[in-house]
Amino acid sequence: MGSLKIARKKWLSLLFLLLVFFEFNLLLTQILASRTVNVGGLSTDDHINPNETVKYIFSNQIIFDITTNTSIDLHIEYDNGIRDRQTYFQINNSNPIFLNITSKPNIQNFGMTKTPQGPVKEGTPFQYRYNCIFRVKTNTTVEKLTIEGSKLPKYGFNPETKYSLAIYDNTKDSWELIETLEKVNESSSEVFFEGILYDLEADKDYFITYFELSDVFNGWIWILVIVIGAIGVGAIGILISKKDYFQYLKTRTIPIEKGAHRLSLEEVLENENRNKIIDIILKEPGVHFNELLRRTGLAAGNLVWHLDILETYKVIGKKRIGKFIAYFPYYQKNPISNIDLQLSKSRLTLEILEMIEENPGIWNNLIKNKFKVDHKTIHYHLEKLKELNLIKLRKDGRKKKIYPNLDSDFYNNRPTD
């Protein structure tokens, strides 16, 4: 009986040691199957083993993660004009893959002969402002590709805006939306996107990016509200007809340095392509370069040339807003140029600013309770208002009280009653 107990103890000890060994081996396998590569540039080539996860950290604050159940020979390359982006690919496939991924700010940068139409859902257009498009090509069919991305401002996303992944290949005329879910990471509480593609064909170029839902009506109503509130009735001049605008251009007295151009104003205004550009800018003051590129159908270099002529002859003006260049009708004192369109594109930001104006000295918790959103969202909008120099904070005990910055141009340009 005693020898049986000893044998059982030895067996249990051996079993325990085996379990510890297997647990350690599993942990070691997981550690070895995850690695981080500091690229130090914007391109790399690598071999990825089955069941391996790799995080690539590129220059320009770019992160690309990939997980695969098969062997992959990877080439990935980013354009120098791309920065602050994060993407995660998960690939499931039966066969080994050679995967080539290149990224450019615009579809035209890939040398496309035609520009695809933007995606539309239930009559509502989506706008491209993400500034990063992936071209994905493989040597074999890919059974399943899952794409994820963190919905964070530092990676180019607005928490208040709806986004969707979209895909395009040159057999189609327009981008197609990919069903995109917003999920919450339970450990970090951060929101991320997820979209899935199936059966990508071999040796075919697929273009993948994010589009944002365009609330055109509300966006431009708010622009007009801000402009009229900031500089009064004079802002209505933005809505001038093209005929009246041309008359204004021809009768004004303003010096123009033509530089290398040897055109008369009439020749500038008669050109068909420049007329198309002027039409768009008059109807949508603040339109950015990428949208002009899409709407005019011009090649990028050609568009730049016509914009330079229009700017030289002071037919249009421009302003940098964030990462974009926005274009406006030209006035000696452009009535919209002092208003940052980043503010106008978020109704919640405007409502928070109005609340601060009505309640100087208010603090975060009161704003949070009023709008019933979390601290992170309020912090995001307050940071935006601080960047625009519209608010200032003063510490009062344990509270940071918030006041409108009445010294800013925004308030100084407002008409007095």
Protein backbone atom coordinates (compact mmCIF):
# COMPACT_ATOMS: atom_id res chain seq x y z
CA MET A 1 0.00 0.00 0.00
CA GLY A 2 2.87 2.38 0.95
CA SER A 3 4.69 1.70 -2.31
CA LEU A 4 1.45 2.45 -4.23
CA LYS A 5 1.15 5.86 -2.56
CA ILE A 6 4.78 6.64 -3.38
CA ALA A 7 4.24 5.63 -7.02
CA ARG A 8 1.11 7.83 -7.21
CA LYS A 9 3.01 10.81 -5.78
CA LYS A 10 5.82 10.31 -8.27
CA TRP A 11 3.28 10.06 -11.10
CA LEU A 12 1.50 13.23 -9.98
CA SER A 13 4.83 15.05 -9.65
CA LEU A 14 5.79 13.95 -13.14
CA LEU A 15 2.41 15.04 -14.49
CA PHE A 16 2.80 18.43 -12.81
CA LEU A 17 6.27 18.85 -14.31
CA LEU A 18 4.93 17.92 -17.75
CA LEU A 19 2.12 20.47 -17.43
CA VAL A 20 4.60 23.16 -16.37
CA PHE A 21 6.83 22.24 -19.32
CA PHE A 22 3.97 22.43 -21.82
CA GLU A 23 2.74 25.75 -20.39
CA PHE A 24 6.26 27.18 -20.56
CA ASN A 25 6.75 25.81 -24.07
CA LEU A 26 3.43 27.36 -25.17
CA LEU A 27 4.38 30.71 -23.64
CA LEU A 28 7.81 30.56 -25.25
CA THR A 29 6.23 29.72 -28.61
CA GLN A 30 3.90 32.72 -28.32
CA ILE A 31 6.80 35.00 -27.41
CA LEU A 32 8.90 33.72 -30.30
CA ALA A 33 5.90 34.02 -32.65
CA SER A 34 5.57 37.75 -31.89
CA ARG A 35 8.25 40.22 -32.86
CA THR A 36 8.70 43.92 -33.49
CA VAL A 37 10.74 45.29 -36.37
CA ASN A 38 11.99 48.90 -36.24
CA VAL A 39 12.32 49.61 -39.93
CA GLY A 40 13.94 53.03 -39.66
CA GLY A 41 12.69 53.95 -43.13
CA LEU A 42 9.53 53.58 -45.20
CA SER A 43 9.99 50.15 -46.82
CA THR A 44 11.04 46.64 -45.87
CA ASP A 45 11.18 43.05 -47.09
CA ASP A 46 10.61 40.20 -44.65
CA HIS A 47 9.69 36.53 -44.30
CA ILE A 48 6.84 35.77 -41.91
CA ASN A 49 6.38 32.25 -40.55
CA PRO A 50 3.02 30.55 -40.05
CA ASN A 51 1.20 31.65 -36.87
CA GLU A 52 3.57 34.59 -36.44
CA THR A 53 2.61 38.17 -35.55
CA VAL A 54 4.91 41.00 -36.61
CA LYS A 55 4.73 44.71 -35.77
CA TYR A 56 6.61 46.99 -38.18
CA ILE A 57 7.43 50.49 -36.97
CA PHE A 58 8.25 52.78 -39.89
CA SER A 59 9.39 56.38 -40.08
CA ASN A 60 6.74 59.13 -40.05
CA GLN A 61 4.99 57.53 -37.03
CA ILE A 62 3.60 54.62 -39.09
CA ILE A 63 2.74 51.23 -37.59
CA PHE A 64 1.78 48.14 -39.56
CA ASP A 65 0.90 44.83 -37.83
CA ILE A 66 0.37 41.52 -39.59
CA THR A 67 -0.68 38.04 -38.42
CA THR A 68 -0.79 34.99 -40.66
CA ASN A 69 -1.55 31.27 -40.48
CA THR A 70 0.65 30.64 -43.51
CA SER A 71 4.13 31.49 -44.74
CA ILE A 72 4.42 34.99 -46.27
CA ASP A 73 7.20 36.74 -48.16
CA LEU A 74 6.35 40.38 -47.64
CA HIS A 75 7.31 43.61 -49.36
CA ILE A 76 5.74 46.74 -47.86
CA GLU A 77 6.42 50.33 -48.77
CA TYR A 78 4.94 53.70 -47.74
CA ASP A 79 5.10 56.99 -49.62
CA ASN A 80 7.05 59.78 -47.93
CA GLY A 81 3.89 61.92 -47.90
CA ILE A 82 2.14 59.52 -45.49
CA ARG A 83 2.50 59.81 -41.73
CA ASP A 84 0.69 58.97 -38.45
CA ARG A 85 -1.07 55.84 -39.70
CA GLN A 86 -1.74 52.44 -38.09
CA THR A 87 -3.07 49.31 -39.80
CA TYR A 88 -3.45 45.63 -38.91
CA PHE A 89 -3.74 42.80 -41.48
CA GLN A 90 -4.75 39.27 -40.53
CA ILE A 91 -4.37 36.71 -43.32
CA ASN A 92 -5.87 33.23 -43.45
CA ASN A 93 -4.85 31.08 -46.40
CA SER A 94 -4.12 27.50 -47.36
CA ASN A 95 -1.01 28.25 -49.42
CA PRO A 96 2.16 30.32 -48.88
CA ILE A 97 1.92 33.88 -50.23
CA PHE A 98 4.10 36.53 -51.76
CA LEU A 99 2.43 39.74 -50.58
CA ASN A 100 3.27 43.15 -52.06
CA ILE A 101 1.83 46.22 -50.32
CA THR A 102 2.54 49.78 -51.45
CA SER A 103 0.89 52.90 -50.12
CA LYS A 104 0.31 56.36 -51.64
CA PRO A 105 -1.61 59.45 -50.49
CA ASN A 106 -3.92 59.45 -53.56
CA ILE A 107 -5.12 57.01 -56.20
CA GLN A 108 -3.58 59.23 -58.90
CA ASN A 109 -0.12 58.70 -57.36
CA PHE A 110 -0.29 55.08 -58.58
CA GLY A 111 -0.35 56.31 -62.20
CA MET A 112 -4.02 55.50 -62.74
CA THR A 113 -5.36 56.34 -66.18
CA LYS A 114 -8.84 57.01 -64.79
CA THR A 115 -10.11 58.27 -61.47
CA PRO A 116 -12.73 56.05 -59.82
CA GLN A 117 -15.91 57.59 -58.46
CA GLY A 118 -16.22 57.81 -54.68
CA PRO A 119 -18.53 55.36 -52.91
CA VAL A 120 -22.17 56.21 -52.22
CA LYS A 121 -24.53 54.51 -49.77
CA GLU A 122 -28.29 55.12 -49.92
CA GLY A 123 -27.69 58.35 -51.81
CA THR A 124 -25.14 59.67 -49.29
CA PRO A 125 -21.60 60.26 -50.60
CA PHE A 126 -18.44 59.27 -48.74
CA GLN A 127 -15.39 61.54 -48.87
CA TYR A 128 -11.72 60.51 -49.07
CA ARG A 129 -9.58 62.43 -46.58
CA TYR A 130 -7.50 59.63 -45.09
CA ASN A 131 -4.38 60.38 -47.18
CA CYS A 132 -3.29 56.73 -47.33
CA ILE A 133 -4.31 54.13 -49.94
CA PHE A 134 -2.94 50.57 -49.95
CA ARG A 135 -2.31 48.71 -53.19
CA VAL A 136 -2.35 44.99 -52.35
CA LYS A 137 -1.14 42.33 -54.78
CA THR A 138 -0.41 38.63 -54.22
CA ASN A 139 0.86 35.69 -56.29
CA THR A 140 -2.01 33.45 -55.20
CA THR A 141 -5.64 33.77 -54.18
CA VAL A 142 -6.08 35.02 -50.62
CA GLU A 143 -8.98 33.29 -48.93
CA LYS A 144 -9.54 35.79 -46.14
CA LEU A 145 -8.04 39.19 -45.29
CA THR A 146 -9.17 40.95 -42.11
CA ILE A 147 -8.28 44.63 -41.82
CA GLU A 148 -8.34 46.51 -38.53
CA GLY A 149 -7.37 50.02 -37.47
CA SER A 150 -7.58 52.07 -34.27
CA LYS A 151 -10.10 54.91 -34.43
CA LEU A 152 -7.86 57.50 -32.78
CA PRO A 153 -7.20 61.15 -33.72
CA LYS A 154 -3.45 60.49 -33.81
CA TYR A 155 -4.06 58.06 -36.68
CA GLY A 156 -6.20 60.49 -38.70
CA PHE A 157 -9.70 59.73 -37.42
CA ASN A 158 -12.34 61.96 -35.84
CA PRO A 159 -14.21 60.13 -33.03
CA GLU A 160 -17.44 61.89 -34.08
CA THR A 161 -17.27 60.83 -37.75
CA LYS A 162 -18.45 57.61 -39.36
CA TYR A 163 -15.94 55.76 -41.56
CA SER A 164 -15.98 52.78 -43.85
CA LEU A 165 -13.27 50.75 -45.53
CA ALA A 166 -13.57 50.66 -49.31
CA ILE A 167 -11.98 48.64 -52.11
CA TYR A 168 -11.34 49.36 -55.78
CA ASP A 169 -9.87 47.45 -58.71
CA ASN A 170 -9.51 48.63 -62.29
CA THR A 171 -12.32 46.41 -63.57
CA LYS A 172 -14.80 48.73 -61.80
CA ASP A 173 -15.80 52.38 -62.18
CA SER A 174 -16.06 53.29 -58.50
CA TRP A 175 -14.97 52.41 -55.00
CA GLU A 176 -17.06 49.79 -53.21
CA LEU A 177 -17.72 50.02 -49.49
CA ILE A 178 -16.62 47.12 -47.28
CA GLU A 179 -18.88 46.28 -44.35
CA THR A 180 -16.96 47.94 -41.52
CA LEU A 181 -17.71 47.35 -37.86
CA GLU A 182 -16.68 49.55 -34.95
CA LYS A 183 -15.61 47.45 -31.98
CA VAL A 184 -14.17 48.20 -28.55
CA ASN A 185 -10.90 46.70 -27.31
CA GLU A 186 -11.84 45.36 -23.87
CA SER A 187 -8.35 45.79 -22.40
CA SER A 188 -7.73 49.37 -23.61
CA SER A 189 -11.36 50.57 -24.14
CA GLU A 190 -10.25 51.98 -27.51
CA VAL A 191 -12.53 51.84 -30.54
CA PHE A 192 -11.23 50.07 -33.65
CA PHE A 193 -12.50 49.27 -37.15
CA GLU A 194 -12.83 45.81 -38.63
CA GLY A 195 -13.54 44.84 -42.22
CA ILE A 196 -13.15 41.46 -43.98
CA LEU A 197 -12.37 40.63 -47.61
CA TYR A 198 -12.68 37.16 -49.14
CA ASP A 199 -11.09 35.48 -52.17
CA LEU A 200 -8.76 38.20 -53.44
CA GLU A 201 -7.54 37.07 -56.86
CA ALA A 202 -3.88 36.42 -57.70
CA ASP A 203 -1.83 38.97 -59.67
CA LYS A 204 -4.51 41.65 -59.41
CA ASP A 205 -4.15 45.15 -57.97
CA TYR A 206 -6.59 45.89 -55.16
CA PHE A 207 -6.75 49.38 -53.66
CA ILE A 208 -7.98 49.68 -50.08
CA THR A 209 -8.54 52.75 -47.88
CA TYR A 210 -10.97 54.52 -45.53
CA PHE A 211 -13.72 56.91 -46.56
CA GLU A 212 -15.69 59.14 -44.22
CA LEU A 213 -19.42 59.74 -44.36
CA SER A 214 -20.04 63.17 -45.87
CA ASP A 215 -22.75 65.17 -44.15
CA VAL A 216 -22.61 67.83 -46.84
CA PHE A 217 -25.81 69.68 -45.95
CA ASN A 218 -25.13 70.04 -42.25
CA GLY A 219 -21.44 70.77 -42.82
CA TRP A 220 -22.03 73.75 -45.10
CA ILE A 221 -24.94 75.11 -43.04
CA TRP A 222 -22.55 75.22 -40.09
CA ILE A 223 -19.86 76.90 -42.17
CA LEU A 224 -22.29 79.67 -43.09
CA VAL A 225 -23.41 80.00 -39.46
CA ILE A 226 -19.80 80.45 -38.32
CA VAL A 227 -18.90 82.85 -41.11
CA ILE A 228 -21.97 85.05 -40.69
CA GLY A 229 -21.60 85.00 -36.90
CA ALA A 230 -17.91 85.87 -37.12
CA ILE A 231 -17.80 88.57 -39.75
CA GLY A 232 -21.40 89.55 -40.41
CA VAL A 233 -23.41 89.97 -43.56
CA GLY A 234 -20.29 90.54 -45.69
CA ALA A 235 -19.74 86.78 -45.65
CA ILE A 236 -22.80 86.29 -47.84
CA GLY A 237 -20.55 87.49 -50.67
CA ILE A 238 -19.25 83.91 -50.79
CA LEU A 239 -22.52 82.90 -52.43
CA ILE A 240 -21.96 85.28 -55.34
CA SER A 241 -22.83 83.93 -58.81
CA LYS A 242 -20.04 83.24 -61.27
CA LYS A 243 -21.25 86.04 -63.56
CA ASP A 244 -21.18 88.59 -60.74
CA TYR A 245 -17.86 87.23 -59.48
CA PHE A 246 -16.25 87.62 -62.90
CA GLN A 247 -17.61 91.17 -63.08
CA TYR A 248 -16.08 91.86 -59.66
CA LEU A 249 -12.70 90.47 -60.81
CA LYS A 250 -12.69 92.61 -63.98
CA THR A 251 -13.62 95.87 -62.27
CA ARG A 252 -11.49 95.67 -59.11
CA THR A 253 -8.28 97.65 -58.78
CA ILE A 254 -5.63 95.37 -57.34
CA PRO A 255 -2.00 94.87 -58.45
CA ILE A 256 -1.19 91.47 -59.97
CA GLU A 257 2.32 90.11 -60.48
CA LYS A 258 1.93 87.74 -63.43
CA GLY A 259 5.34 86.13 -63.03
CA ALA A 260 5.99 83.64 -65.84
CA HIS A 261 2.39 83.81 -67.08
CA ARG A 262 1.62 86.04 -70.04
CA LEU A 263 -2.14 85.82 -70.06
CA SER A 264 -4.80 88.48 -69.90
CA LEU A 265 -7.48 88.14 -67.21
CA GLU A 266 -9.99 87.33 -69.95
CA GLU A 267 -7.79 84.44 -71.14
CA VAL A 268 -7.47 83.19 -67.58
CA LEU A 269 -11.25 83.17 -67.12
CA GLU A 270 -12.12 81.71 -70.53
CA ASN A 271 -10.22 78.43 -70.11
CA GLU A 272 -12.61 75.47 -69.77
CA ASN A 273 -10.64 73.63 -67.08
CA ARG A 274 -10.15 76.77 -65.00
CA ASN A 275 -13.87 77.51 -65.32
CA LYS A 276 -14.60 74.06 -63.92
CA ILE A 277 -12.30 74.75 -60.94
CA ILE A 278 -13.88 78.17 -60.31
CA ASP A 279 -17.38 76.68 -60.43
CA ILE A 280 -16.50 74.16 -57.74
CA ILE A 281 -14.78 76.71 -55.48
CA LEU A 282 -17.64 79.22 -55.76
CA LYS A 283 -20.17 76.54 -54.88
CA GLU A 284 -18.05 74.96 -52.15
CA PRO A 285 -15.59 77.51 -50.68
CA GLY A 286 -13.05 75.62 -48.61
CA VAL A 287 -12.90 72.60 -50.96
CA HIS A 288 -9.55 70.82 -50.66
CA PHE A 289 -7.07 69.75 -53.34
CA ASN A 290 -7.96 66.04 -53.30
CA GLU A 291 -11.63 66.82 -53.85
CA LEU A 292 -10.80 69.19 -56.71
CA LEU A 293 -8.68 66.44 -58.21
CA ARG A 294 -11.58 64.00 -58.03
CA ARG A 295 -14.26 66.43 -59.23
CA THR A 296 -12.36 67.93 -62.15
CA GLY A 297 -10.88 64.68 -63.43
CA LEU A 298 -7.63 66.51 -64.19
CA ALA A 299 -4.20 64.98 -63.70
CA ALA A 300 -2.51 66.21 -60.53
CA GLY A 301 0.18 68.16 -62.38
CA ASN A 302 -2.39 69.78 -64.66
CA LEU A 303 -4.56 70.79 -61.70
CA VAL A 304 -1.55 72.30 -59.92
CA TRP A 305 -0.77 74.34 -63.05
CA HIS A 306 -4.30 75.78 -63.34
CA LEU A 307 -4.50 76.50 -59.60
CA ASP A 308 -1.19 78.37 -59.83
CA ILE A 309 -2.58 80.56 -62.63
CA LEU A 310 -5.77 81.26 -60.68
CA GLU A 311 -3.80 82.12 -57.55
CA THR A 312 -1.34 84.32 -59.49
CA TYR A 313 -4.21 86.34 -60.98
CA LYS A 314 -5.92 86.43 -57.56
CA VAL A 315 -9.02 84.64 -58.78
CA ILE A 316 -8.77 82.19 -55.89
CA GLY A 317 -6.99 82.07 -52.54
CA LYS A 318 -5.85 79.15 -50.41
CA LYS A 319 -5.31 78.28 -46.76
CA ARG A 320 -3.68 75.29 -45.07
CA ILE A 321 -6.12 73.54 -42.74
CA GLY A 322 -4.53 70.64 -40.87
CA LYS A 323 -2.96 68.39 -43.51
CA PHE A 324 -5.02 69.81 -46.38
CA ILE A 325 -4.93 72.87 -48.58
CA ALA A 326 -8.37 74.50 -48.88
CA TYR A 327 -9.31 76.88 -51.72
CA PHE A 328 -11.61 79.92 -51.62
CA PRO A 329 -12.82 82.72 -53.87
CA TYR A 330 -10.28 85.56 -53.67
CA TYR A 331 -11.11 88.72 -51.77
CA GLN A 332 -8.65 91.37 -50.64
CA LYS A 333 -9.67 90.35 -47.17
CA ASN A 334 -10.97 86.82 -47.65
CA PRO A 335 -14.03 86.67 -45.37
CA ILE A 336 -13.67 82.99 -44.65
CA SER A 337 -9.90 82.74 -44.38
CA ASN A 338 -9.80 83.42 -40.64
CA ILE A 339 -12.27 80.65 -39.89
CA ASP A 340 -10.74 77.21 -39.59
CA LEU A 341 -12.94 74.63 -41.28
CA GLN A 342 -11.86 72.00 -38.78
CA LEU A 343 -14.20 73.75 -36.35
CA SER A 344 -17.11 73.87 -38.75
CA LYS A 345 -17.05 70.16 -39.50
CA SER A 346 -18.06 69.09 -35.99
CA ARG A 347 -21.39 70.19 -34.60
CA LEU A 348 -20.44 69.01 -31.11
CA THR A 349 -17.31 71.20 -31.13
CA LEU A 350 -19.47 74.22 -31.95
CA GLU A 351 -22.01 73.37 -29.27
CA ILE A 352 -19.24 73.02 -26.68
CA LEU A 353 -17.82 76.41 -27.71
CA GLU A 354 -21.28 77.99 -27.41
CA MET A 355 -21.67 76.49 -23.93
CA ILE A 356 -18.30 77.95 -22.89
CA GLU A 357 -19.32 81.35 -24.28
CA GLU A 358 -22.56 81.26 -22.28
CA ASN A 359 -20.88 79.91 -19.13
CA PRO A 360 -17.33 81.33 -18.83
CA GLY A 361 -15.39 79.44 -16.16
CA ILE A 362 -17.16 76.14 -16.81
CA TRP A 363 -15.16 72.90 -16.40
CA ASN A 364 -14.96 69.46 -18.03
CA ASN A 365 -17.43 67.55 -15.86
CA LEU A 366 -20.22 70.05 -16.44
CA ILE A 367 -19.69 69.83 -20.19
CA LYS A 368 -19.58 66.02 -20.04
CA ASN A 369 -22.84 65.87 -18.07
CA LYS A 370 -24.52 68.30 -20.44
CA PHE A 371 -23.70 66.37 -23.63
CA LYS A 372 -23.69 62.88 -22.03
CA VAL A 373 -20.42 61.77 -23.63
CA ASP A 374 -17.26 60.40 -22.04
CA HIS A 375 -14.22 62.35 -20.83
CA LYS A 376 -12.09 61.31 -23.83
CA THR A 377 -14.58 62.79 -26.30
CA ILE A 378 -14.81 66.08 -24.39
CA HIS A 379 -11.01 66.20 -24.12
CA TYR A 380 -10.71 65.70 -27.91
CA HIS A 381 -13.04 68.64 -28.67
CA LEU A 382 -11.44 70.93 -26.08
CA GLU A 383 -8.02 70.18 -27.57
CA LYS A 384 -9.37 71.14 -30.98
CA LEU A 385 -10.68 74.45 -29.59
CA LYS A 386 -7.31 75.09 -27.90
CA GLU A 387 -5.47 74.44 -31.18
CA LEU A 388 -7.75 76.99 -32.86
CA ASN A 389 -6.93 79.48 -30.07
CA LEU A 390 -10.64 79.84 -29.24
CA ILE A 391 -10.47 78.93 -25.54
CA LYS A 392 -8.06 79.30 -22.63
CA LEU A 393 -7.79 77.42 -19.35
CA ARG A 394 -7.18 78.78 -15.88
CA LYS A 395 -6.49 76.63 -12.85
CA ASP A 396 -8.77 77.32 -9.88
CA GLY A 397 -8.00 74.94 -7.02
CA ARG A 398 -8.42 71.41 -8.36
CA LYS A 399 -10.49 72.55 -11.33
CA LYS A 400 -9.33 73.79 -14.73
CA LYS A 401 -11.86 76.42 -15.70
CA ILE A 402 -12.47 77.13 -19.35
CA TYR A 403 -13.05 80.57 -20.87
CA PRO A 404 -13.53 81.83 -24.43
CA ASN A 405 -10.33 83.46 -25.68
CA LEU A 406 -11.70 86.93 -26.39
CA ASP A 407 -8.27 88.07 -27.61
CA SER A 408 -8.39 85.72 -30.62
CA ASP A 409 -9.06 86.94 -34.17
CA PHE A 410 -12.27 84.94 -34.19
CA TYR A 411 -13.84 87.16 -31.52
CA ASN A 412 -12.13 90.38 -32.57
CA ASN A 413 -13.59 90.05 -36.07
CA ARG A 414 -17.15 89.68 -34.83
CA PRO A 415 -19.37 92.68 -35.47
CA THR A 416 -20.67 94.52 -32.42
CA ASP A 417 -24.41 95.01 -32.00
